Amino acid sequence: MILITFNSRDDNLGDKLIFSCLYSELQRYDEVFIFGSSPLGSRQKALRLREAFAKAFVHRTKGHRIFVFHSPGARFLPKNAMNPKLAKRAKDKITLLIWWLLGAKFHVVGISADERYVVKRYKLFERYKTIGVRDKESLSLLSRIVNSATLVPDMAFLRLPSKRAVFDTKVIVSLRQETPDDQYNVNYKPALEFSLNSVLLPFFNKQQSVSFFANVMEDQSFNSALALDFSKTQRHVNYVEIMPIGLDYNAFFEGYGVVVSNRLHVLIPAMSAGLLPVALVSKAHSKIISLFCSYGLDRFLVYTDESSDSIHAKITELIDRQEHLRSENYKKLCQLKSEVEGYIETVVGTSR
């Protein structure tokens, strides 16, 4: 029996994507139940904690193993307060005791670790039998305090990659105007906007269309404003009002050849749909940088800190090598999908 929590944001399609990918993969091995809360649109109603305990007890009496999965997420920051009240601490201990009596094992996969919190919260990491982290930097951080961490590609790599026969020329852009890695610095947005001009210039010079969209509700105003600004000087610019419905990114990205974003779960599904990625990030944006560098995708990193000439040269090189890079990406995505599948199998493959 497998239980999984969804403690992410319903308005963030990236959170829903990685959860749905993990959920579907786990279903290959055993019956999977969501507890706590379900993402909007889920066919399965979430179990209350007491209902989860009851189902776990029944399965345990039948000799089944019990797996409890923490939801994958951007940064692994357990919601327990640093100094919770006595009642909260007592409830947490009682909950853990019940799971222990039921023989349940805790697992988490598809996370990054933040250096600011790892050491302070190491006791919380010790409760997990397996910890699957998605970049080498996170693995290095966690390996200092626990021995249960393993490098595993992001859950979004479970998507079946597409191999396109024709390279489309349209560009699609989706950006966030601030990031936690940059400490929500007010200087980030103007630097991002300035560098975006250099990124898009080679496409504008070729009279290629550029569309903007938001993968997270909070990004809508920023991306629509960018589209409006560029449309004042460029003819082929528009804003796409809809979002990827039902997480069907292949249909959503149809007709596009290049994606520009600083959101990880825009870049990965776009790559899986056959697009050439441009990760436009500051040098402080460790989440994307660490992941791309961990899997040999660093050539697609374009830094807002670079000069306009340097950015222009990098984009031009990517365009010139697009056929080779797309073929190489397809092979890499197939490999990463296989690696995630293999890891999940080692964790729950003998669950029955």
Protein backbone atom coordinates (compact mmCIF):
# COMPACT_ATOMS: atom_id res chain seq x y z
CA MET A 1 0.00 0.00 0.00
CA ILE A 2 1.28 3.46 -0.93
CA LEU A 3 0.09 6.74 0.62
CA ILE A 4 1.12 10.12 -0.76
CA THR A 5 0.49 13.68 0.39
CA PHE A 6 -0.15 16.71 -1.78
CA ASN A 7 0.94 19.78 0.17
CA SER A 8 1.78 22.02 -2.77
CA ARG A 9 -0.10 24.78 -4.58
CA ASP A 10 -3.13 24.15 -6.76
CA ASP A 11 -2.47 27.34 -8.73
CA ASN A 12 1.05 26.17 -9.64
CA LEU A 13 0.94 23.81 -12.61
CA GLY A 14 4.55 22.80 -11.92
CA ASP A 15 3.62 21.46 -8.48
CA LYS A 16 0.67 19.56 -9.92
CA LEU A 17 2.82 18.18 -12.75
CA ILE A 18 5.50 16.60 -10.57
CA PHE A 19 2.89 15.25 -8.17
CA SER A 20 0.88 13.67 -10.99
CA CYS A 21 4.03 12.16 -12.53
CA LEU A 22 5.05 10.54 -9.24
CA TYR A 23 1.49 9.43 -8.49
CA SER A 24 1.14 7.72 -11.89
CA GLU A 25 4.51 6.00 -11.55
CA LEU A 26 3.70 4.68 -8.09
CA GLN A 27 0.43 3.23 -9.41
CA ARG A 28 2.46 0.80 -11.49
CA TYR A 29 3.45 -1.02 -8.31
CA ASP A 30 0.56 -0.89 -5.87
CA GLU A 31 -2.67 0.79 -4.87
CA VAL A 32 -2.02 4.47 -4.17
CA PHE A 33 -4.05 6.68 -1.83
CA ILE A 34 -3.83 10.45 -1.40
CA PHE A 35 -4.23 11.73 2.13
CA GLY A 36 -4.45 15.20 3.64
CA SER A 37 -5.70 17.01 0.54
CA SER A 38 -6.04 16.31 -3.19
CA PRO A 39 -4.97 18.61 -6.01
CA LEU A 40 -7.88 20.22 -7.84
CA GLY A 41 -9.06 18.01 -10.66
CA SER A 42 -7.91 14.80 -9.00
CA ARG A 43 -10.28 11.87 -9.43
CA GLN A 44 -9.37 10.52 -6.03
CA LYS A 45 -10.77 12.08 -2.88
CA ALA A 46 -8.15 12.58 -0.21
CA LEU A 47 -8.29 10.48 2.93
CA ARG A 48 -8.32 12.06 6.33
CA LEU A 49 -5.41 11.10 8.51
CA ARG A 50 -7.52 8.72 10.60
CA GLU A 51 -8.82 7.11 7.39
CA ALA A 52 -5.26 6.70 6.18
CA PHE A 53 -4.35 4.99 9.47
CA ALA A 54 -7.34 2.66 9.15
CA LYS A 55 -6.51 1.62 5.57
CA ALA A 56 -2.85 1.14 6.51
CA PHE A 57 -3.89 -1.10 9.40
CA VAL A 58 -6.03 -3.29 7.13
CA HIS A 59 -3.27 -3.62 4.55
CA ARG A 60 -0.71 -4.35 7.25
CA THR A 61 -2.81 -7.22 8.63
CA LYS A 62 -2.70 -8.71 5.11
CA GLY A 63 1.09 -8.62 5.19
CA HIS A 64 1.50 -5.66 2.84
CA ARG A 65 4.25 -3.08 3.26
CA ILE A 66 3.22 0.53 3.94
CA PHE A 67 4.91 3.39 2.08
CA VAL A 68 4.23 7.03 2.96
CA PHE A 69 5.49 9.53 0.37
CA HIS A 70 6.00 13.22 1.01
CA SER A 71 4.93 15.33 -1.98
CA PRO A 72 7.77 16.38 -4.32
CA GLY A 73 8.53 20.09 -4.32
CA ALA A 74 10.79 22.98 -5.21
CA ARG A 75 12.57 23.25 -1.90
CA PHE A 76 12.29 20.70 0.85
CA LEU A 77 11.13 22.87 3.71
CA PRO A 78 9.03 20.76 6.07
CA LYS A 79 6.09 22.79 7.35
CA ASN A 80 6.91 22.08 10.99
CA ALA A 81 7.80 25.36 12.68
CA MET A 82 11.32 25.68 14.05
CA ASN A 83 9.94 25.98 17.57
CA PRO A 84 6.41 24.58 17.42
CA LYS A 85 4.05 24.84 20.35
CA LEU A 86 3.83 21.97 22.79
CA ALA A 87 0.48 20.78 21.38
CA LYS A 88 1.90 20.72 17.86
CA ARG A 89 4.99 18.78 18.95
CA ALA A 90 2.84 16.29 20.85
CA LYS A 91 0.53 15.75 17.86
CA ASP A 92 3.51 15.23 15.56
CA LYS A 93 5.05 12.66 17.91
CA ILE A 94 1.77 10.78 18.28
CA THR A 95 1.29 10.71 14.49
CA LEU A 96 4.81 9.37 13.98
CA LEU A 97 4.27 6.78 16.70
CA ILE A 98 1.13 5.48 15.00
CA TRP A 99 2.91 5.22 11.66
CA TRP A 100 5.76 3.40 13.40
CA LEU A 101 3.34 0.93 15.03
CA LEU A 102 1.85 0.30 11.59
CA GLY A 103 5.33 -0.40 10.23
CA ALA A 104 5.10 2.46 7.72
CA LYS A 105 8.26 3.79 6.08
CA PHE A 106 8.62 7.43 5.02
CA HIS A 107 10.01 8.41 1.63
CA VAL A 108 10.48 11.63 -0.30
CA VAL A 109 11.65 12.12 -3.89
CA GLY A 110 11.86 14.97 -6.38
CA ILE A 111 13.20 17.65 -4.06
CA SER A 112 16.01 20.16 -3.75
CA ALA A 113 17.65 20.99 -0.44
CA ASP A 114 18.27 24.55 0.73
CA GLU A 115 21.52 25.19 2.57
CA ARG A 116 19.77 27.74 4.79
CA TYR A 117 17.56 25.06 6.36
CA VAL A 118 19.25 21.68 5.99
CA VAL A 119 21.31 21.69 9.19
CA LYS A 120 18.60 23.34 11.31
CA ARG A 121 16.03 20.74 10.30
CA TYR A 122 18.20 17.64 10.09
CA LYS A 123 16.06 15.76 12.62
CA LEU A 124 13.15 15.93 10.17
CA PHE A 125 15.28 14.36 7.44
CA GLU A 126 16.18 11.43 9.69
CA ARG A 127 12.60 10.12 9.62
CA TYR A 128 12.85 9.30 5.89
CA LYS A 129 14.05 5.87 4.84
CA THR A 130 14.88 7.19 1.36
CA ILE A 131 15.42 10.76 0.13
CA GLY A 132 15.60 11.31 -3.62
CA VAL A 133 17.16 14.68 -4.46
CA ARG A 134 17.26 16.06 -7.97
CA ASP A 135 20.65 17.78 -8.14
CA LYS A 136 24.21 17.11 -7.02
CA GLU A 137 24.40 20.19 -4.80
CA SER A 138 21.40 19.02 -2.76
CA LEU A 139 22.93 15.55 -2.52
CA SER A 140 26.16 17.03 -1.18
CA LEU A 141 24.27 19.07 1.43
CA LEU A 142 22.13 16.21 2.70
CA SER A 143 24.91 13.63 2.64
CA ARG A 144 26.61 15.58 5.41
CA ILE A 145 23.84 14.74 7.86
CA VAL A 146 22.03 11.60 6.60
CA ASN A 147 23.05 8.56 4.59
CA SER A 148 19.68 7.99 2.92
CA ALA A 149 19.98 10.62 0.14
CA THR A 150 20.30 9.58 -3.52
CA LEU A 151 20.54 11.58 -6.73
CA VAL A 152 17.36 11.13 -8.80
CA PRO A 153 16.23 13.26 -11.78
CA ASP A 154 13.19 15.52 -11.32
CA MET A 155 9.78 13.82 -11.42
CA ALA A 156 8.84 15.80 -14.55
CA PHE A 157 11.38 13.70 -16.47
CA LEU A 158 8.92 10.81 -16.16
CA ARG A 159 7.02 12.37 -19.07
CA LEU A 160 7.47 10.50 -22.34
CA PRO A 161 9.74 12.67 -24.52
CA SER A 162 8.72 13.58 -28.07
CA LYS A 163 11.08 13.40 -31.03
CA ARG A 164 10.10 16.05 -33.54
CA ALA A 165 10.77 15.62 -37.23
CA VAL A 166 10.30 19.34 -37.99
CA PHE A 167 11.69 22.22 -35.95
CA ASP A 168 9.13 24.97 -35.44
CA THR A 169 10.36 28.54 -35.36
CA LYS A 170 7.91 30.14 -32.91
CA VAL A 171 9.22 31.07 -29.45
CA ILE A 172 7.27 30.79 -26.20
CA VAL A 173 8.25 32.65 -23.04
CA SER A 174 7.15 32.29 -19.42
CA LEU A 175 8.96 34.13 -16.63
CA ARG A 176 8.64 34.87 -12.94
CA GLN A 177 9.64 38.37 -11.87
CA GLU A 178 11.32 37.33 -8.60
CA THR A 179 12.82 34.20 -7.06
CA PRO A 180 13.65 33.05 -3.52
CA ASP A 181 17.18 32.20 -4.66
CA ASP A 182 17.68 35.89 -5.45
CA GLN A 183 16.24 36.85 -2.05
CA TYR A 184 13.38 38.58 -3.90
CA ASN A 185 15.81 41.38 -4.71
CA VAL A 186 14.19 44.38 -6.42
CA ASN A 187 17.09 44.50 -8.90
CA TYR A 188 16.24 41.08 -10.29
CA LYS A 189 13.26 42.16 -12.40
CA PRO A 190 14.96 44.99 -14.36
CA ALA A 191 18.01 42.77 -14.99
CA LEU A 192 15.72 40.02 -16.26
CA GLU A 193 13.83 42.37 -18.56
CA PHE A 194 17.05 43.85 -19.96
CA SER A 195 18.60 40.44 -20.67
CA LEU A 196 15.36 39.19 -22.24
CA ASN A 197 15.77 41.82 -24.96
CA SER A 198 19.14 40.29 -25.88
CA VAL A 199 17.71 36.76 -25.80
CA LEU A 200 14.83 37.55 -28.15
CA LEU A 201 16.70 39.83 -30.56
CA PRO A 202 18.02 37.00 -32.79
CA PHE A 203 14.46 35.69 -33.18
CA PHE A 204 13.03 39.12 -33.90
CA ASN A 205 15.75 39.62 -36.52
CA LYS A 206 14.46 36.50 -38.26
CA GLN A 207 10.84 37.77 -38.03
CA GLN A 208 9.89 34.84 -35.79
CA SER A 209 6.79 34.96 -33.60
CA VAL A 210 7.11 35.23 -29.81
CA SER A 211 4.32 34.30 -27.40
CA PHE A 212 4.16 34.83 -23.64
CA PHE A 213 2.18 32.75 -21.13
CA ALA A 214 1.96 32.06 -17.39
CA ASN A 215 2.41 28.61 -15.84
CA VAL A 216 1.56 29.99 -12.40
CA MET A 217 -1.30 32.40 -11.70
CA GLU A 218 0.96 34.94 -10.01
CA ASP A 219 3.01 35.26 -13.24
CA GLN A 220 0.10 36.39 -15.41
CA SER A 221 0.42 40.15 -14.95
CA PHE A 222 4.18 40.12 -15.50
CA ASN A 223 4.07 38.07 -18.69
CA SER A 224 1.12 39.94 -20.14
CA ALA A 225 2.96 43.22 -19.45
CA LEU A 226 6.08 41.90 -21.19
CA ALA A 227 4.02 40.88 -24.20
CA LEU A 228 2.43 44.34 -24.35
CA ASP A 229 5.80 46.10 -24.11
CA PHE A 230 7.40 44.02 -26.87
CA SER A 231 4.35 44.32 -29.12
CA LYS A 232 4.88 48.10 -29.25
CA THR A 233 8.07 47.60 -31.28
CA GLN A 234 7.68 44.07 -32.68
CA ARG A 235 4.88 42.87 -34.94
CA HIS A 236 4.77 39.15 -34.08
CA VAL A 237 4.27 39.20 -30.30
CA ASN A 238 1.24 38.04 -28.35
CA TYR A 239 0.09 36.82 -24.95
CA VAL A 240 -1.54 33.37 -24.60
CA GLU A 241 -4.37 33.65 -22.11
CA ILE A 242 -4.88 29.92 -21.59
CA MET A 243 -2.67 27.66 -19.49
CA PRO A 244 -1.72 24.03 -20.21
CA ILE A 245 -5.13 22.43 -19.63
CA GLY A 246 -5.00 19.05 -17.94
CA LEU A 247 -1.19 19.27 -17.91
CA ASP A 248 -1.22 18.37 -21.62
CA TYR A 249 2.01 20.15 -22.45
CA ASN A 250 2.50 18.39 -25.80
CA ALA A 251 -0.68 19.97 -27.13
CA PHE A 252 0.07 23.30 -25.49
CA PHE A 253 3.58 23.58 -26.96
CA GLU A 254 2.58 22.38 -30.42
CA GLY A 255 3.87 24.79 -33.05
CA TYR A 256 6.66 26.20 -30.86
CA GLY A 257 10.37 25.46 -31.26
CA VAL A 258 12.06 27.35 -28.42
CA VAL A 259 11.09 28.00 -24.80
CA VAL A 260 12.56 30.79 -22.64
CA SER A 261 11.86 30.57 -18.93
CA ASN A 262 13.21 30.82 -15.40
CA ARG A 263 10.69 28.27 -14.10
CA LEU A 264 11.97 24.70 -13.93
CA HIS A 265 8.59 23.15 -14.68
CA VAL A 266 8.14 25.18 -17.79
CA LEU A 267 11.57 24.20 -19.10
CA ILE A 268 11.38 20.45 -18.46
CA PRO A 269 7.92 19.75 -19.98
CA ALA A 270 8.80 21.99 -22.94
CA MET A 271 11.97 19.97 -23.49
CA SER A 272 9.93 16.76 -23.29
CA ALA A 273 7.66 18.21 -25.98
CA GLY A 274 10.70 18.68 -28.22
CA LEU A 275 11.45 22.38 -27.68
CA LEU A 276 14.92 23.85 -27.37
CA PRO A 277 15.25 25.29 -23.83
CA VAL A 278 16.73 28.62 -22.82
CA ALA A 279 17.00 28.86 -19.04
CA LEU A 280 17.25 32.60 -18.41
CA VAL A 281 18.49 32.84 -14.83
CA SER A 282 20.68 34.92 -12.57
CA LYS A 283 23.86 33.31 -11.27
CA ALA A 284 22.18 33.08 -7.85
CA HIS A 285 19.34 30.90 -9.16
CA SER A 286 20.79 27.69 -7.75
CA LYS A 287 17.72 25.47 -8.15
CA ILE A 288 17.76 25.52 -11.95
CA ILE A 289 21.52 25.92 -12.30
CA SER A 290 22.30 22.96 -10.05
CA LEU A 291 19.83 20.71 -11.83
CA PHE A 292 20.94 21.65 -15.33
CA CYS A 293 24.59 21.22 -14.40
CA SER A 294 23.88 17.86 -12.75
CA TYR A 295 22.59 16.38 -16.01
CA GLY A 296 24.77 18.02 -18.65
CA LEU A 297 22.24 20.67 -19.65
CA ASP A 298 24.37 23.65 -18.64
CA ARG A 299 24.82 24.78 -22.26
CA PHE A 300 21.20 25.99 -22.07
CA LEU A 301 21.86 28.29 -19.12
CA VAL A 302 21.80 31.98 -20.08
CA TYR A 303 22.64 34.36 -17.27
CA THR A 304 20.99 37.72 -16.74
CA ASP A 305 24.34 38.81 -15.31
CA GLU A 306 26.06 38.40 -18.71
CA SER A 307 26.63 41.14 -21.25
CA SER A 308 24.24 41.64 -24.16
CA ASP A 309 26.91 40.52 -26.64
CA SER A 310 27.57 37.34 -24.68
CA ILE A 311 23.85 36.50 -24.49
CA HIS A 312 23.37 37.21 -28.19
CA ALA A 313 26.30 34.97 -29.09
CA LYS A 314 25.01 32.10 -26.95
CA ILE A 315 21.50 32.28 -28.42
CA THR A 316 22.89 32.41 -31.94
CA GLU A 317 24.99 29.32 -31.26
CA LEU A 318 21.99 27.42 -29.88
CA ILE A 319 19.96 28.30 -32.98
CA ASP A 320 22.77 27.23 -35.31
CA ARG A 321 23.12 23.86 -33.54
CA GLN A 322 19.44 23.27 -32.93
CA GLU A 323 19.08 20.04 -34.90
CA HIS A 324 21.99 18.36 -33.11
CA LEU A 325 20.92 19.69 -29.71
CA ARG A 326 17.32 18.50 -30.11
CA SER A 327 18.50 15.01 -31.02
CA GLU A 328 20.91 14.99 -28.09
CA ASN A 329 18.20 16.22 -25.71
CA TYR A 330 15.82 13.47 -26.81
CA LYS A 331 18.39 10.78 -25.95
CA LYS A 332 19.15 12.45 -22.63
CA LEU A 333 15.47 12.75 -21.69
CA CYS A 334 14.94 9.05 -22.44
CA GLN A 335 17.88 8.23 -20.18
CA LEU A 336 16.63 10.47 -17.35
CA LYS A 337 13.13 8.96 -17.57
CA SER A 338 14.67 5.51 -17.25
CA GLU A 339 16.73 6.61 -14.23
CA VAL A 340 13.65 7.89 -12.37
CA GLU A 341 11.72 4.71 -13.17
CA GLY A 342 14.61 2.59 -11.95
CA TYR A 343 14.84 4.47 -8.68
CA ILE A 344 11.10 4.20 -7.95
CA GLU A 345 11.29 0.49 -8.67
CA THR A 346 14.08 0.02 -6.13
CA VAL A 347 12.00 1.79 -3.49
CA VAL A 348 8.53 0.27 -3.98
CA GLY A 349 9.02 -2.54 -6.50
CA THR A 350 8.42 -5.22 -3.87
CA SER A 351 5.53 -3.45 -2.12
CA ARG A 352 2.97 -6.26 -2.35
